[in-house]
Amino acid sequence: MKRGGEKRLSRLQLDQTEYLYQPTMINISTKQQLLSNATLGQLDDRVAVPAYDRNRLTAGIAHIGVGNFHRAHQALYADRCLHLPGHEAWAICGIGLGSGTSALAKVRALHAQDCLYTVTEFDSDGSGSTRVIGAMIDYLHAPADPEAVLRELAGPAIRIVSLTITEGGYNFDEATGEFKLHEPDVAHDLAGAPPRTAVGFIVGALRRRREANVPAFTVMSCDNLRQSGNTVRRAVLSFAQAVDPGLAGWIADNAAFPNGMVDRIAPQVAIMSGVDASTEAA
């Protein structure tokens, strides 16, 4: 819902359904082709495409949990910023933690599409507009290569690590309010094995940055939580304290955890078969 009461719904080409994350096919001169960097220039003018050079982009944001909300909102706003001069260092590297069927399908689809996808926005009168989002330039699947994720997060180019991991991803006990250090995946991460959890990756990367004298990144929760920044800060510091109290102190002094308010959703809709390049919205 847009402010002022005007309805505008976002429909993603990669929808969360039973047939999750089918590759995006575009119709060009009656021939279906996979959406990719190579086919961007063949879309109808009524389908907006990135006007910036994606080859010049570097990731300044790493986002953990690339679901519908992130792709329809945060990545869309980043896409707009990338059209401004001098913002080439603010592209997104997506990170997935899941290993289920839908998570693997998402990896395949995004890699096949050069991390491109479409968003269609509908106004209250039924009219719509479709655009290709080019802000995400890489997608890392953490279970397949946790070291690649740690290297990305530990690198100085990343200045924001944002998250949409749902309330349960912060791992607090509802009864006591304490961070659950003995939860199996958390205990696995604390034992020094390659991380499985968002907090494990964040703390592991911050530890490497501290050792390399690289400034801490900002950790930005985009989940619909009260005091979301305070929540993720408590989770990160609780985990870090269990690893190394000195590291926890460094994170507390150097990392930022802004509070934010989420007032947008991405409605779940039926799977779309493709984007018709000859129409404004498919």
C-alpha atoms as a PDB file:
ATOM      1  CA  MET A   1       0.000   0.000   0.000  1.00  0.00           C
ATOM      2  CA  LYS A   2       1.465   3.324  -1.001  1.00  0.00           C
ATOM      3  CA  ARG A   3       1.180   6.259   1.363  1.00  0.00           C
ATOM      4  CA  GLY A   4      -1.923   8.302   0.678  1.00  0.00           C
ATOM      5  CA  GLY A   5      -4.046   5.174   0.216  1.00  0.00           C
ATOM      6  CA  GLU A   6      -3.168   4.418  -3.407  1.00  0.00           C
ATOM      7  CA  LYS A   7      -2.723   0.704  -3.986  1.00  0.00           C
ATOM      8  CA  ARG A   8       0.249  -0.481  -5.967  1.00  0.00           C
ATOM      9  CA  LEU A   9       1.088  -4.164  -5.911  1.00  0.00           C
ATOM     10  CA  SER A  10       4.380  -5.701  -6.977  1.00  0.00           C
ATOM     11  CA  ARG A  11       4.374  -9.020  -8.797  1.00  0.00           C
ATOM     12  CA  LEU A  12       7.667 -10.821  -9.144  1.00  0.00           C
ATOM     13  CA  GLN A  13       8.620 -13.078 -12.001  1.00  0.00           C
ATOM     14  CA  LEU A  14      10.207 -15.436  -9.464  1.00  0.00           C
ATOM     15  CA  ASP A  15       7.234 -16.195  -7.255  1.00  0.00           C
ATOM     16  CA  GLN A  16       6.996 -18.169  -4.035  1.00  0.00           C
ATOM     17  CA  THR A  17       4.743 -21.007  -5.110  1.00  0.00           C
ATOM     18  CA  GLU A  18       4.888 -24.759  -5.378  1.00  0.00           C
ATOM     19  CA  TYR A  19       6.811 -24.230  -8.632  1.00  0.00           C
ATOM     20  CA  LEU A  20       9.205 -21.763  -7.067  1.00  0.00           C
ATOM     21  CA  TYR A  21      11.862 -19.934  -9.049  1.00  0.00           C
ATOM     22  CA  GLN A  22      11.258 -20.982 -12.599  1.00  0.00           C
ATOM     23  CA  PRO A  23      13.719 -19.244 -14.945  1.00  0.00           C
ATOM     24  CA  THR A  24      12.316 -16.041 -16.434  1.00  0.00           C
ATOM     25  CA  MET A  25      11.556 -16.491 -20.130  1.00  0.00           C
ATOM     26  CA  ILE A  26      10.951 -13.486 -22.366  1.00  0.00           C
ATOM     27  CA  ASN A  27       9.084 -13.533 -25.659  1.00  0.00           C
ATOM     28  CA  ILE A  28      11.056 -11.865 -28.428  1.00  0.00           C
ATOM     29  CA  SER A  29       9.629 -12.025 -31.943  1.00  0.00           C
ATOM     30  CA  THR A  30       7.558 -15.111 -30.995  1.00  0.00           C
ATOM     31  CA  LYS A  31      10.678 -16.894 -29.742  1.00  0.00           C
ATOM     32  CA  GLN A  32      11.175 -17.509 -26.047  1.00  0.00           C
ATOM     33  CA  GLN A  33      14.604 -16.669 -24.659  1.00  0.00           C
ATOM     34  CA  LEU A  34      16.019 -16.693 -21.150  1.00  0.00           C
ATOM     35  CA  LEU A  35      16.277 -13.300 -19.485  1.00  0.00           C
ATOM     36  CA  SER A  36      19.986 -12.461 -19.268  1.00  0.00           C
ATOM     37  CA  ASN A  37      22.504  -9.726 -19.930  1.00  0.00           C
ATOM     38  CA  ALA A  38      22.610 -10.851 -23.552  1.00  0.00           C
ATOM     39  CA  THR A  39      18.847 -10.427 -24.113  1.00  0.00           C
ATOM     40  CA  LEU A  40      18.289  -7.130 -22.265  1.00  0.00           C
ATOM     41  CA  GLY A  41      18.673  -5.085 -25.413  1.00  0.00           C
ATOM     42  CA  GLN A  42      15.985  -7.083 -27.220  1.00  0.00           C
ATOM     43  CA  LEU A  43      13.111  -6.210 -24.890  1.00  0.00           C
ATOM     44  CA  ASP A  44      10.287  -3.907 -25.946  1.00  0.00           C
ATOM     45  CA  ASP A  45      10.779  -0.272 -24.937  1.00  0.00           C
ATOM     46  CA  ARG A  46       7.799  -0.517 -22.593  1.00  0.00           C
ATOM     47  CA  VAL A  47       9.758  -2.935 -20.399  1.00  0.00           C
ATOM     48  CA  ALA A  48      12.240  -0.793 -18.461  1.00  0.00           C
ATOM     49  CA  VAL A  49      15.775  -2.178 -18.336  1.00  0.00           C
ATOM     50  CA  PRO A  50      18.886  -1.013 -16.467  1.00  0.00           C
ATOM     51  CA  ALA A  51      20.413   2.010 -18.206  1.00  0.00           C
ATOM     52  CA  TYR A  52      23.704   1.636 -16.330  1.00  0.00           C
ATOM     53  CA  ASP A  53      26.624  -0.615 -17.279  1.00  0.00           C
ATOM     54  CA  ARG A  54      26.362  -3.691 -15.078  1.00  0.00           C
ATOM     55  CA  ASN A  55      29.970  -4.596 -15.902  1.00  0.00           C
ATOM     56  CA  ARG A  56      31.115  -1.547 -13.936  1.00  0.00           C
ATOM     57  CA  LEU A  57      29.238  -2.467 -10.774  1.00  0.00           C
ATOM     58  CA  THR A  58      30.728  -3.798  -7.549  1.00  0.00           C
ATOM     59  CA  ALA A  59      28.795  -5.024  -4.529  1.00  0.00           C
ATOM     60  CA  GLY A  60      28.695  -2.683  -1.556  1.00  0.00           C
ATOM     61  CA  ILE A  61      25.690  -4.429  -0.015  1.00  0.00           C
ATOM     62  CA  ALA A  62      25.429  -8.106   0.862  1.00  0.00           C
ATOM     63  CA  HIS A  63      21.886  -9.267   1.509  1.00  0.00           C
ATOM     64  CA  ILE A  64      21.125 -12.485   3.377  1.00  0.00           C
ATOM     65  CA  GLY A  65      17.706 -13.920   2.526  1.00  0.00           C
ATOM     66  CA  VAL A  66      16.832 -12.897  -1.036  1.00  0.00           C
ATOM     67  CA  GLY A  67      13.083 -13.381  -0.916  1.00  0.00           C
ATOM     68  CA  ASN A  68      10.159 -11.548  -2.509  1.00  0.00           C
ATOM     69  CA  PHE A  69      10.315  -8.564  -0.161  1.00  0.00           C
ATOM     70  CA  HIS A  70      13.982  -7.887  -0.848  1.00  0.00           C
ATOM     71  CA  ARG A  71      13.671  -8.279  -4.604  1.00  0.00           C
ATOM     72  CA  ALA A  72      10.513  -6.140  -4.893  1.00  0.00           C
ATOM     73  CA  HIS A  73      11.627  -3.354  -2.556  1.00  0.00           C
ATOM     74  CA  GLN A  74      15.213  -3.082  -1.329  1.00  0.00           C
ATOM     75  CA  ALA A  75      16.773  -4.276  -4.598  1.00  0.00           C
ATOM     76  CA  LEU A  76      14.390  -2.077  -6.588  1.00  0.00           C
ATOM     77  CA  TYR A  77      15.487   0.998  -4.622  1.00  0.00           C
ATOM     78  CA  ALA A  78      19.147   0.026  -5.087  1.00  0.00           C
ATOM     79  CA  ASP A  79      18.447  -0.312  -8.807  1.00  0.00           C
ATOM     80  CA  ARG A  80      17.207   3.275  -8.886  1.00  0.00           C
ATOM     81  CA  CYS A  81      20.317   4.482  -7.040  1.00  0.00           C
ATOM     82  CA  LEU A  82      22.585   2.707  -9.517  1.00  0.00           C
ATOM     83  CA  HIS A  83      21.174   4.943 -12.238  1.00  0.00           C
ATOM     84  CA  LEU A  84      22.726   7.942 -10.456  1.00  0.00           C
ATOM     85  CA  PRO A  85      26.302   8.917 -11.346  1.00  0.00           C
ATOM     86  CA  GLY A  86      28.979   7.714  -8.957  1.00  0.00           C
ATOM     87  CA  HIS A  87      26.963   4.918  -7.338  1.00  0.00           C
ATOM     88  CA  GLU A  88      28.580   1.955  -9.119  1.00  0.00           C
ATOM     89  CA  ALA A  89      29.907   0.555  -5.821  1.00  0.00           C
ATOM     90  CA  TRP A  90      26.429   0.005  -4.349  1.00  0.00           C
ATOM     91  CA  ALA A  91      25.266  -3.119  -6.153  1.00  0.00           C
ATOM     92  CA  ILE A  92      24.077  -6.151  -4.201  1.00  0.00           C
ATOM     93  CA  CYS A  93      25.549  -9.578  -3.604  1.00  0.00           C
ATOM     94  CA  GLY A  94      22.722 -11.926  -2.618  1.00  0.00           C
ATOM     95  CA  ILE A  95      23.329 -14.738  -0.134  1.00  0.00           C
ATOM     96  CA  GLY A  96      21.107 -17.776   0.400  1.00  0.00           C
ATOM     97  CA  LEU A  97      21.281 -19.989   3.486  1.00  0.00           C
ATOM     98  CA  GLY A  98      18.663 -22.596   2.593  1.00  0.00           C
ATOM     99  CA  SER A  99      19.316 -26.016   1.092  1.00  0.00           C
ATOM    100  CA  GLY A 100      15.772 -27.175   0.283  1.00  0.00           C
ATOM    101  CA  THR A 101      14.245 -27.715  -3.131  1.00  0.00           C
ATOM    102  CA  SER A 102      13.080 -24.129  -3.572  1.00  0.00           C
ATOM    103  CA  ALA A 103      16.416 -22.730  -2.379  1.00  0.00           C
ATOM    104  CA  LEU A 104      18.310 -24.808  -4.944  1.00  0.00           C
ATOM    105  CA  ALA A 105      15.863 -23.799  -7.675  1.00  0.00           C
ATOM    106  CA  LYS A 106      16.457 -20.151  -6.776  1.00  0.00           C
ATOM    107  CA  VAL A 107      20.225 -20.624  -7.150  1.00  0.00           C
ATOM    108  CA  ARG A 108      19.830 -22.194 -10.587  1.00  0.00           C
ATOM    109  CA  ALA A 109      17.375 -19.575 -11.821  1.00  0.00           C
ATOM    110  CA  LEU A 110      19.333 -16.551 -10.653  1.00  0.00           C
ATOM    111  CA  HIS A 111      22.627 -17.876 -11.986  1.00  0.00           C
ATOM    112  CA  ALA A 112      21.042 -18.708 -15.356  1.00  0.00           C
ATOM    113  CA  GLN A 113      19.596 -15.176 -15.549  1.00  0.00           C
ATOM    114  CA  ASP A 114      22.784 -13.293 -14.542  1.00  0.00           C
ATOM    115  CA  CYS A 115      20.852 -12.422 -11.362  1.00  0.00           C
ATOM    116  CA  LEU A 116      18.301 -10.437 -13.392  1.00  0.00           C
ATOM    117  CA  TYR A 117      14.562 -10.686 -12.772  1.00  0.00           C
ATOM    118  CA  THR A 118      11.416  -8.682 -13.463  1.00  0.00           C
ATOM    119  CA  VAL A 119       9.040  -6.801 -11.187  1.00  0.00           C
ATOM    120  CA  THR A 120       5.575  -5.809 -12.389  1.00  0.00           C
ATOM    121  CA  GLU A 121       3.780  -3.093 -10.422  1.00  0.00           C
ATOM    122  CA  PHE A 122       0.004  -2.743 -10.673  1.00  0.00           C
ATOM    123  CA  ASP A 123      -1.979   0.384  -9.833  1.00  0.00           C
ATOM    124  CA  SER A 124      -5.482   0.341  -8.395  1.00  0.00           C
ATOM    125  CA  ASP A 125      -6.979   0.789 -11.877  1.00  0.00           C
ATOM    126  CA  GLY A 126      -5.323  -2.431 -13.095  1.00  0.00           C
ATOM    127  CA  SER A 127      -2.671  -0.776 -15.236  1.00  0.00           C
ATOM    128  CA  GLY A 128       0.851  -2.012 -14.743  1.00  0.00           C
ATOM    129  CA  SER A 129       4.470  -1.491 -15.625  1.00  0.00           C
ATOM    130  CA  THR A 130       7.286  -4.019 -15.821  1.00  0.00           C
ATOM    131  CA  ARG A 131      10.949  -3.420 -15.218  1.00  0.00           C
ATOM    132  CA  VAL A 132      14.062  -5.571 -15.102  1.00  0.00           C
ATOM    133  CA  ILE A 133      16.048  -5.210 -11.872  1.00  0.00           C
ATOM    134  CA  GLY A 134      19.823  -5.329 -12.335  1.00  0.00           C
ATOM    135  CA  ALA A 135      21.032  -4.351  -8.861  1.00  0.00           C
ATOM    136  CA  MET A 136      22.037  -7.861  -7.804  1.00  0.00           C
ATOM    137  CA  ILE A 137      25.261  -8.853  -9.547  1.00  0.00           C
ATOM    138  CA  ASP A 138      26.059 -12.099  -7.731  1.00  0.00           C
ATOM    139  CA  TYR A 139      24.254 -14.745  -5.719  1.00  0.00           C
ATOM    140  CA  LEU A 140      26.162 -16.993  -3.308  1.00  0.00           C
ATOM    141  CA  HIS A 141      24.717 -20.225  -1.968  1.00  0.00           C
ATOM    142  CA  ALA A 142      26.164 -20.558   1.509  1.00  0.00           C
ATOM    143  CA  PRO A 143      25.657 -24.322   2.008  1.00  0.00           C
ATOM    144  CA  ALA A 144      27.549 -25.015  -1.220  1.00  0.00           C
ATOM    145  CA  ASP A 145      30.465 -22.672  -0.509  1.00  0.00           C
ATOM    146  CA  PRO A 146      30.496 -21.075   2.947  1.00  0.00           C
ATOM    147  CA  GLU A 147      34.062 -19.875   2.451  1.00  0.00           C
ATOM    148  CA  ALA A 148      33.016 -17.792  -0.568  1.00  0.00           C
ATOM    149  CA  VAL A 149      30.402 -16.080   1.609  1.00  0.00           C
ATOM    150  CA  LEU A 150      32.930 -15.345   4.358  1.00  0.00           C
ATOM    151  CA  ARG A 151      35.402 -13.932   1.821  1.00  0.00           C
ATOM    152  CA  GLU A 152      32.726 -11.676   0.352  1.00  0.00           C
ATOM    153  CA  LEU A 153      31.567 -10.368   3.723  1.00  0.00           C
ATOM    154  CA  ALA A 154      35.122  -9.891   4.997  1.00  0.00           C
ATOM    155  CA  GLY A 155      36.168  -7.840   1.976  1.00  0.00           C
ATOM    156  CA  PRO A 156      36.384  -4.050   2.359  1.00  0.00           C
ATOM    157  CA  ALA A 157      33.966  -3.408  -0.531  1.00  0.00           C
ATOM    158  CA  ILE A 158      30.991  -4.614   1.535  1.00  0.00           C
ATOM    159  CA  ARG A 159      29.748  -1.783   3.727  1.00  0.00           C
ATOM    160  CA  ILE A 160      26.242  -3.004   4.535  1.00  0.00           C
ATOM    161  CA  VAL A 161      25.054  -6.512   5.377  1.00  0.00           C
ATOM    162  CA  SER A 162      21.267  -6.501   5.280  1.00  0.00           C
ATOM    163  CA  LEU A 163      18.953  -9.307   6.299  1.00  0.00           C
ATOM    164  CA  THR A 164      15.462 -10.642   5.741  1.00  0.00           C
ATOM    165  CA  ILE A 165      15.592 -13.910   7.670  1.00  0.00           C
ATOM    166  CA  THR A 166      12.221 -13.756   9.517  1.00  0.00           C
ATOM    167  CA  GLU A 167      11.837 -13.331  13.250  1.00  0.00           C
ATOM    168  CA  GLY A 168      12.912 -16.921  13.925  1.00  0.00           C
ATOM    169  CA  GLY A 169      16.247 -16.348  12.235  1.00  0.00           C
ATOM    170  CA  TYR A 170      17.438 -14.200  15.149  1.00  0.00           C
ATOM    171  CA  ASN A 171      17.289 -17.248  17.417  1.00  0.00           C
ATOM    172  CA  PHE A 172      15.885 -15.847  20.640  1.00  0.00           C
ATOM    173  CA  ASP A 173      14.048 -17.937  23.205  1.00  0.00           C
ATOM    174  CA  GLU A 174      10.479 -16.613  23.376  1.00  0.00           C
ATOM    175  CA  ALA A 175      10.177 -17.462  27.071  1.00  0.00           C
ATOM    176  CA  THR A 176      13.476 -16.085  28.385  1.00  0.00           C
ATOM    177  CA  GLY A 177      14.427 -13.591  25.682  1.00  0.00           C
ATOM    178  CA  GLU A 178      17.935 -15.051  25.609  1.00  0.00           C
ATOM    179  CA  PHE A 179      19.917 -15.940  22.527  1.00  0.00           C
ATOM    180  CA  LYS A 180      19.852 -19.735  22.113  1.00  0.00           C
ATOM    181  CA  LEU A 181      23.522 -20.704  22.132  1.00  0.00           C
ATOM    182  CA  HIS A 182      22.676 -24.411  22.234  1.00  0.00           C
ATOM    183  CA  GLU A 183      20.468 -24.440  19.138  1.00  0.00           C
ATOM    184  CA  PRO A 184      22.062 -27.101  16.872  1.00  0.00           C
ATOM    185  CA  ASP A 185      23.117 -24.828  13.997  1.00  0.00           C
ATOM    186  CA  VAL A 186      24.396 -22.162  16.388  1.00  0.00           C
ATOM    187  CA  ALA A 187      26.353 -24.767  18.372  1.00  0.00           C
ATOM    188  CA  HIS A 188      27.767 -26.029  15.075  1.00  0.00           C
ATOM    189  CA  ASP A 189      28.946 -22.510  14.193  1.00  0.00           C
ATOM    190  CA  LEU A 190      30.389 -21.900  17.657  1.00  0.00           C
ATOM    191  CA  ALA A 191      32.427 -25.107  17.381  1.00  0.00           C
ATOM    192  CA  GLY A 192      34.397 -23.494  14.566  1.00  0.00           C
ATOM    193  CA  ALA A 193      32.872 -25.366  11.647  1.00  0.00           C
ATOM    194  CA  PRO A 194      31.919 -23.497   8.445  1.00  0.00           C
ATOM    195  CA  PRO A 195      28.919 -21.345   9.409  1.00  0.00           C
ATOM    196  CA  ARG A 196      25.316 -22.261   8.749  1.00  0.00           C
ATOM    197  CA  THR A 197      23.522 -19.327  10.365  1.00  0.00           C
ATOM    198  CA  ALA A 198      23.285 -15.661   9.418  1.00  0.00           C
ATOM    199  CA  VAL A 199      24.748 -14.621  12.758  1.00  0.00           C
ATOM    200  CA  GLY A 200      27.560 -17.140  12.370  1.00  0.00           C
ATOM    201  CA  PHE A 201      28.513 -15.672   8.994  1.00  0.00           C
ATOM    202  CA  ILE A 202      28.278 -12.089  10.263  1.00  0.00           C
ATOM    203  CA  VAL A 203      30.464 -12.701  13.298  1.00  0.00           C
ATOM    204  CA  GLY A 204      32.913 -14.835  11.321  1.00  0.00           C
ATOM    205  CA  ALA A 205      33.299 -12.078   8.734  1.00  0.00           C
ATOM    206  CA  LEU A 206      33.655  -9.353  11.355  1.00  0.00           C
ATOM    207  CA  ARG A 207      36.355 -11.399  13.052  1.00  0.00           C
ATOM    208  CA  ARG A 208      38.306 -11.529   9.782  1.00  0.00           C
ATOM    209  CA  ARG A 209      37.828  -7.805   9.244  1.00  0.00           C
ATOM    210  CA  ARG A 210      39.126  -7.052  12.725  1.00  0.00           C
ATOM    211  CA  GLU A 211      42.187  -9.224  12.146  1.00  0.00           C
ATOM    212  CA  ALA A 212      42.833  -7.529   8.786  1.00  0.00           C
ATOM    213  CA  ASN A 213      42.245  -4.014  10.192  1.00  0.00           C
ATOM    214  CA  VAL A 214      39.233  -3.551   7.912  1.00  0.00           C
ATOM    215  CA  PRO A 215      36.388  -1.389   9.288  1.00  0.00           C
ATOM    216  CA  ALA A 216      33.244  -3.135  10.446  1.00  0.00           C
ATOM    217  CA  PHE A 217      30.218  -3.111   8.162  1.00  0.00           C
ATOM    218  CA  THR A 218      26.737  -1.950   9.100  1.00  0.00           C
ATOM    219  CA  VAL A 219      24.297  -4.753   9.929  1.00  0.00           C
ATOM    220  CA  MET A 220      20.804  -3.769   8.778  1.00  0.00           C
ATOM    221  CA  SER A 221      17.796  -5.897   9.643  1.00  0.00           C
ATOM    222  CA  CYS A 222      14.938  -5.477   7.162  1.00  0.00           C
ATOM    223  CA  ASP A 223      12.585  -7.818   8.998  1.00  0.00           C
ATOM    224  CA  ASN A 224       9.302  -6.621  10.455  1.00  0.00           C
ATOM    225  CA  LEU A 225      10.497  -6.490  14.052  1.00  0.00           C
ATOM    226  CA  ARG A 226      10.226  -3.919  16.787  1.00  0.00           C
ATOM    227  CA  GLN A 227      13.652  -2.373  17.307  1.00  0.00           C
ATOM    228  CA  SER A 228      15.057  -4.577  14.572  1.00  0.00           C
ATOM    229  CA  GLY A 229      18.539  -3.122  14.861  1.00  0.00           C
ATOM    230  CA  ASN A 230      18.661  -3.710  18.606  1.00  0.00           C
ATOM    231  CA  THR A 231      17.470  -7.274  18.028  1.00  0.00           C
ATOM    232  CA  VAL A 232      20.168  -8.195  15.534  1.00  0.00           C
ATOM    233  CA  ARG A 233      22.781  -6.392  17.654  1.00  0.00           C
ATOM    234  CA  ARG A 234      21.907  -8.533  20.669  1.00  0.00           C
ATOM    235  CA  ALA A 235      22.091 -11.681  18.540  1.00  0.00           C
ATOM    236  CA  VAL A 236      25.456 -10.783  17.037  1.00  0.00           C
ATOM    237  CA  LEU A 237      27.002  -9.706  20.347  1.00  0.00           C
ATOM    238  CA  SER A 238      25.683 -12.787  22.170  1.00  0.00           C
ATOM    239  CA  PHE A 239      27.262 -15.053  19.574  1.00  0.00           C
ATOM    240  CA  ALA A 240      30.497 -13.040  19.486  1.00  0.00           C
ATOM    241  CA  GLN A 241      30.757 -13.047  23.286  1.00  0.00           C
ATOM    242  CA  ALA A 242      30.669 -16.844  23.206  1.00  0.00           C
ATOM    243  CA  VAL A 243      33.448 -16.855  20.608  1.00  0.00           C
ATOM    244  CA  ASP A 244      35.746 -14.134  21.961  1.00  0.00           C
ATOM    245  CA  PRO A 245      34.811 -11.370  24.425  1.00  0.00           C
ATOM    246  CA  GLY A 246      37.422  -9.114  22.821  1.00  0.00           C
ATOM    247  CA  LEU A 247      35.751  -9.558  19.443  1.00  0.00           C
ATOM    248  CA  ALA A 248      32.363  -8.794  20.990  1.00  0.00           C
ATOM    249  CA  GLY A 249      33.751  -5.546  22.407  1.00  0.00           C
ATOM    250  CA  TRP A 250      35.237  -4.551  19.049  1.00  0.00           C
ATOM    251  CA  ILE A 251      31.924  -5.204  17.287  1.00  0.00           C
ATOM    252  CA  ALA A 252      30.016  -3.233  19.930  1.00  0.00           C
ATOM    253  CA  ASP A 253      32.354  -0.268  19.443  1.00  0.00           C
ATOM    254  CA  ASN A 254      32.677  -0.355  15.658  1.00  0.00           C
ATOM    255  CA  ALA A 255      29.637  -1.918  13.982  1.00  0.00           C
ATOM    256  CA  ALA A 256      26.351  -0.090  13.445  1.00  0.00           C
ATOM    257  CA  PHE A 257      22.935  -1.737  13.852  1.00  0.00           C
ATOM    258  CA  PRO A 258      20.297   0.793  12.760  1.00  0.00           C
ATOM    259  CA  ASN A 259      16.669   0.344  13.720  1.00  0.00           C
ATOM    260  CA  GLY A 260      14.241   0.447  10.824  1.00  0.00           C
ATOM    261  CA  MET A 261      10.553   0.163  10.052  1.00  0.00           C
ATOM    262  CA  VAL A 262       9.239  -2.128   7.328  1.00  0.00           C
ATOM    263  CA  ASP A 263       5.896  -1.033   5.852  1.00  0.00           C
ATOM    264  CA  ARG A 264       5.898  -2.852   2.533  1.00  0.00           C
ATOM    265  CA  ILE A 265       5.004  -6.367   1.411  1.00  0.00           C
ATOM    266  CA  ALA A 266       5.287  -8.370  -1.793  1.00  0.00           C
ATOM    267  CA  PRO A 267       2.020 -10.270  -2.359  1.00  0.00           C
ATOM    268  CA  GLN A 268       2.261 -13.933  -3.243  1.00  0.00           C
ATOM    269  CA  VAL A 269       0.747 -14.659  -6.642  1.00  0.00           C
ATOM    270  CA  ALA A 270       0.489 -17.573  -9.033  1.00  0.00           C
ATOM    271  CA  ILE A 271       3.532 -18.434 -11.143  1.00  0.00           C
ATOM    272  CA  MET A 272       3.935 -16.399 -14.325  1.00  0.00           C
ATOM    273  CA  SER A 273       4.981 -18.191 -17.488  1.00  0.00           C
ATOM    274  CA  GLY A 274       7.093 -15.352 -18.835  1.00  0.00           C
ATOM    275  CA  VAL A 275       7.423 -11.725 -19.774  1.00  0.00           C
ATOM    276  CA  ASP A 276       6.025 -10.712 -23.138  1.00  0.00           C
ATOM    277  CA  ALA A 277       8.468  -8.186 -24.513  1.00  0.00           C
ATOM    278  CA  SER A 278       5.766  -6.810 -26.799  1.00  0.00           C
ATOM    279  CA  THR A 279       3.481  -5.796 -23.924  1.00  0.00           C
ATOM    280  CA  GLU A 280       3.886  -3.414 -21.045  1.00  0.00           C
ATOM    281  CA  ALA A 281       3.078  -6.020 -18.382  1.00  0.00           C
ATOM    282  CA  ALA A 282       2.861  -9.786 -18.616  1.00  0.00           C
END
